[in-house]
Amino acid sequence: MENQYCKVGSVTSILAENQAITLLEYQYQCFMERAANIKYGNTRLREFFESKAEKTKKKLDELS
C-alpha cells in the first residue's frame, strides 16, 4: 500500500486582487457583526473580533 498525503490546513492563495478585496470586505463585515452581537457577556471575545476587524480593515486599505 502506498503512502498518501493530504494537505490539511493548506492555504490556497487568491490571485485576483478583486477577489481578495471582496473576501476581505466580507470578513470585515462578519467580524464587526460578531463583535456587535456580543453585548454583555464576554468582553474579551468582543475585543478579539474587533481586533480581527481592525487588522482586516488595514489589509483592505493597503489593497485599495
N, C-alpha and C. Protein backbone atom coordinates (compact mmCIF):
# COMPACT_ATOMS: atom_id res chain seq x y z
N MET A 1 0.85 -1.17 0.00
CA MET A 1 0.00 0.00 0.00
C MET A 1 0.90 1.24 0.00
N GLU A 2 0.56 2.20 -0.81
CA GLU A 2 1.36 3.42 -0.93
C GLU A 2 0.93 4.45 0.10
N ASN A 3 1.88 5.27 0.49
CA ASN A 3 1.57 6.37 1.40
C ASN A 3 0.77 7.44 0.67
N GLN A 4 -0.20 7.98 1.35
CA GLN A 4 -0.98 9.08 0.80
C GLN A 4 -0.84 10.27 1.73
N TYR A 5 -0.69 11.42 1.14
CA TYR A 5 -0.52 12.64 1.93
C TYR A 5 -1.67 13.59 1.61
N CYS A 6 -2.25 14.13 2.63
CA CYS A 6 -3.30 15.12 2.41
C CYS A 6 -2.78 16.48 2.87
N LYS A 7 -3.38 17.50 2.35
CA LYS A 7 -2.95 18.87 2.66
C LYS A 7 -3.92 19.49 3.66
N VAL A 8 -3.91 18.99 4.86
CA VAL A 8 -4.78 19.53 5.89
C VAL A 8 -4.28 20.90 6.28
N GLY A 9 -5.15 21.87 6.22
CA GLY A 9 -4.78 23.23 6.60
C GLY A 9 -4.03 23.98 5.53
N SER A 10 -3.95 23.42 4.34
CA SER A 10 -3.25 24.13 3.28
C SER A 10 -4.06 25.35 2.86
N VAL A 11 -3.37 26.35 2.41
CA VAL A 11 -4.00 27.61 2.05
C VAL A 11 -3.87 27.82 0.55
N THR A 12 -4.98 28.16 -0.08
CA THR A 12 -4.96 28.49 -1.50
C THR A 12 -4.89 30.00 -1.62
N SER A 13 -3.91 30.49 -2.33
CA SER A 13 -3.77 31.93 -2.46
C SER A 13 -4.80 32.48 -3.43
N ILE A 14 -5.18 33.71 -3.21
CA ILE A 14 -6.12 34.40 -4.08
C ILE A 14 -5.29 35.21 -5.06
N LEU A 15 -5.40 34.87 -6.32
CA LEU A 15 -4.56 35.52 -7.31
C LEU A 15 -5.13 36.86 -7.77
N ALA A 16 -6.42 36.94 -7.91
CA ALA A 16 -7.03 38.16 -8.40
C ALA A 16 -7.23 39.14 -7.25
N GLU A 17 -6.80 40.38 -7.45
CA GLU A 17 -6.93 41.40 -6.41
C GLU A 17 -8.40 41.67 -6.09
N ASN A 18 -9.25 41.62 -7.12
CA ASN A 18 -10.67 41.86 -6.92
C ASN A 18 -11.27 40.82 -5.97
N GLN A 19 -10.87 39.56 -6.12
CA GLN A 19 -11.35 38.51 -5.23
C GLN A 19 -10.87 38.75 -3.80
N ALA A 20 -9.65 39.20 -3.65
CA ALA A 20 -9.10 39.44 -2.32
C ALA A 20 -9.85 40.56 -1.62
N ILE A 21 -10.16 41.62 -2.35
CA ILE A 21 -10.88 42.74 -1.76
C ILE A 21 -12.27 42.31 -1.34
N THR A 22 -12.95 41.55 -2.20
CA THR A 22 -14.30 41.08 -1.88
C THR A 22 -14.28 40.19 -0.64
N LEU A 23 -13.31 39.29 -0.56
CA LEU A 23 -13.20 38.40 0.59
C LEU A 23 -12.90 39.18 1.86
N LEU A 24 -11.99 40.13 1.80
CA LEU A 24 -11.64 40.92 2.98
C LEU A 24 -12.81 41.78 3.44
N GLU A 25 -13.59 42.32 2.51
CA GLU A 25 -14.77 43.10 2.88
C GLU A 25 -15.77 42.22 3.61
N TYR A 26 -15.96 41.01 3.11
CA TYR A 26 -16.88 40.07 3.75
C TYR A 26 -16.40 39.71 5.15
N GLN A 27 -15.11 39.41 5.29
CA GLN A 27 -14.56 39.07 6.60
C GLN A 27 -14.69 40.23 7.57
N TYR A 28 -14.43 41.44 7.09
CA TYR A 28 -14.55 42.63 7.94
C TYR A 28 -15.97 42.77 8.47
N GLN A 29 -16.95 42.62 7.58
CA GLN A 29 -18.35 42.73 8.00
C GLN A 29 -18.71 41.65 9.01
N CYS A 30 -18.24 40.43 8.78
CA CYS A 30 -18.54 39.33 9.70
C CYS A 30 -17.95 39.58 11.08
N PHE A 31 -16.70 40.04 11.13
CA PHE A 31 -16.07 40.31 12.42
C PHE A 31 -16.78 41.44 13.15
N MET A 32 -17.19 42.48 12.43
CA MET A 32 -17.89 43.59 13.07
C MET A 32 -19.26 43.14 13.59
N GLU A 33 -19.96 42.32 12.82
CA GLU A 33 -21.26 41.81 13.27
C GLU A 33 -21.11 40.94 14.51
N ARG A 34 -20.11 40.09 14.51
CA ARG A 34 -19.89 39.22 15.68
C ARG A 34 -19.55 40.04 16.91
N ALA A 35 -18.75 41.07 16.73
CA ALA A 35 -18.40 41.94 17.87
C ALA A 35 -19.63 42.68 18.37
N ALA A 36 -20.49 43.12 17.45
CA ALA A 36 -21.69 43.86 17.84
C ALA A 36 -22.70 42.96 18.54
N ASN A 37 -22.73 41.69 18.19
CA ASN A 37 -23.70 40.77 18.78
C ASN A 37 -23.33 40.37 20.21
N ILE A 38 -22.09 40.58 20.59
CA ILE A 38 -21.66 40.28 21.96
C ILE A 38 -21.79 41.56 22.76
N LYS A 39 -22.89 41.69 23.48
CA LYS A 39 -23.17 42.95 24.17
C LYS A 39 -22.73 42.93 25.63
N TYR A 40 -23.04 41.87 26.34
CA TYR A 40 -22.84 41.91 27.78
C TYR A 40 -21.80 40.93 28.29
N GLY A 41 -21.86 39.72 27.82
CA GLY A 41 -21.10 38.64 28.43
C GLY A 41 -19.60 38.72 28.31
N ASN A 42 -19.09 38.28 27.22
CA ASN A 42 -17.65 38.05 27.09
C ASN A 42 -16.99 39.22 26.37
N THR A 43 -16.46 40.16 27.12
CA THR A 43 -15.84 41.34 26.51
C THR A 43 -14.53 41.00 25.81
N ARG A 44 -13.82 39.99 26.30
CA ARG A 44 -12.56 39.60 25.65
C ARG A 44 -12.82 39.04 24.26
N LEU A 45 -13.92 38.32 24.11
CA LEU A 45 -14.27 37.79 22.80
C LEU A 45 -14.64 38.93 21.85
N ARG A 46 -15.37 39.90 22.37
CA ARG A 46 -15.73 41.07 21.56
C ARG A 46 -14.47 41.82 21.13
N GLU A 47 -13.55 42.00 22.05
CA GLU A 47 -12.28 42.68 21.72
C GLU A 47 -11.49 41.89 20.68
N PHE A 48 -11.55 40.57 20.76
CA PHE A 48 -10.87 39.74 19.77
C PHE A 48 -11.44 39.99 18.38
N PHE A 49 -12.77 39.98 18.26
CA PHE A 49 -13.40 40.21 16.95
C PHE A 49 -13.13 41.63 16.45
N GLU A 50 -13.11 42.59 17.36
CA GLU A 50 -12.81 43.96 16.96
C GLU A 50 -11.37 44.08 16.46
N SER A 51 -10.44 43.40 17.11
CA SER A 51 -9.05 43.46 16.65
C SER A 51 -8.89 42.76 15.30
N LYS A 52 -9.60 41.65 15.10
CA LYS A 52 -9.55 40.97 13.80
C LYS A 52 -10.13 41.87 12.72
N ALA A 53 -11.21 42.59 13.04
CA ALA A 53 -11.80 43.51 12.08
C ALA A 53 -10.84 44.64 11.76
N GLU A 54 -10.15 45.14 12.76
CA GLU A 54 -9.19 46.22 12.54
C GLU A 54 -8.03 45.78 11.64
N LYS A 55 -7.51 44.58 11.88
CA LYS A 55 -6.43 44.06 11.04
C LYS A 55 -6.91 43.84 9.61
N THR A 56 -8.13 43.36 9.47
CA THR A 56 -8.70 43.14 8.13
C THR A 56 -8.89 44.46 7.42
N LYS A 57 -9.32 45.48 8.15
CA LYS A 57 -9.50 46.82 7.57
C LYS A 57 -8.17 47.38 7.08
N LYS A 58 -7.11 47.17 7.83
CA LYS A 58 -5.78 47.64 7.41
C LYS A 58 -5.36 46.97 6.11
N LYS A 59 -5.60 45.67 5.99
CA LYS A 59 -5.27 44.96 4.76
C LYS A 59 -6.09 45.50 3.59
N LEU A 60 -7.36 45.79 3.86
CA LEU A 60 -8.22 46.35 2.81
C LEU A 60 -7.70 47.70 2.35
N ASP A 61 -7.29 48.53 3.29
CA ASP A 61 -6.77 49.85 2.95
C ASP A 61 -5.49 49.75 2.12
N GLU A 62 -4.66 48.75 2.42
CA GLU A 62 -3.43 48.56 1.66
C GLU A 62 -3.71 48.15 0.22
N LEU A 63 -4.76 47.35 0.02
CA LEU A 63 -5.10 46.89 -1.33
C LEU A 63 -5.83 47.94 -2.15
N SER A 64 -6.51 48.84 -1.46
CA SER A 64 -7.31 49.84 -2.18
C SER A 64 -6.48 50.98 -2.69
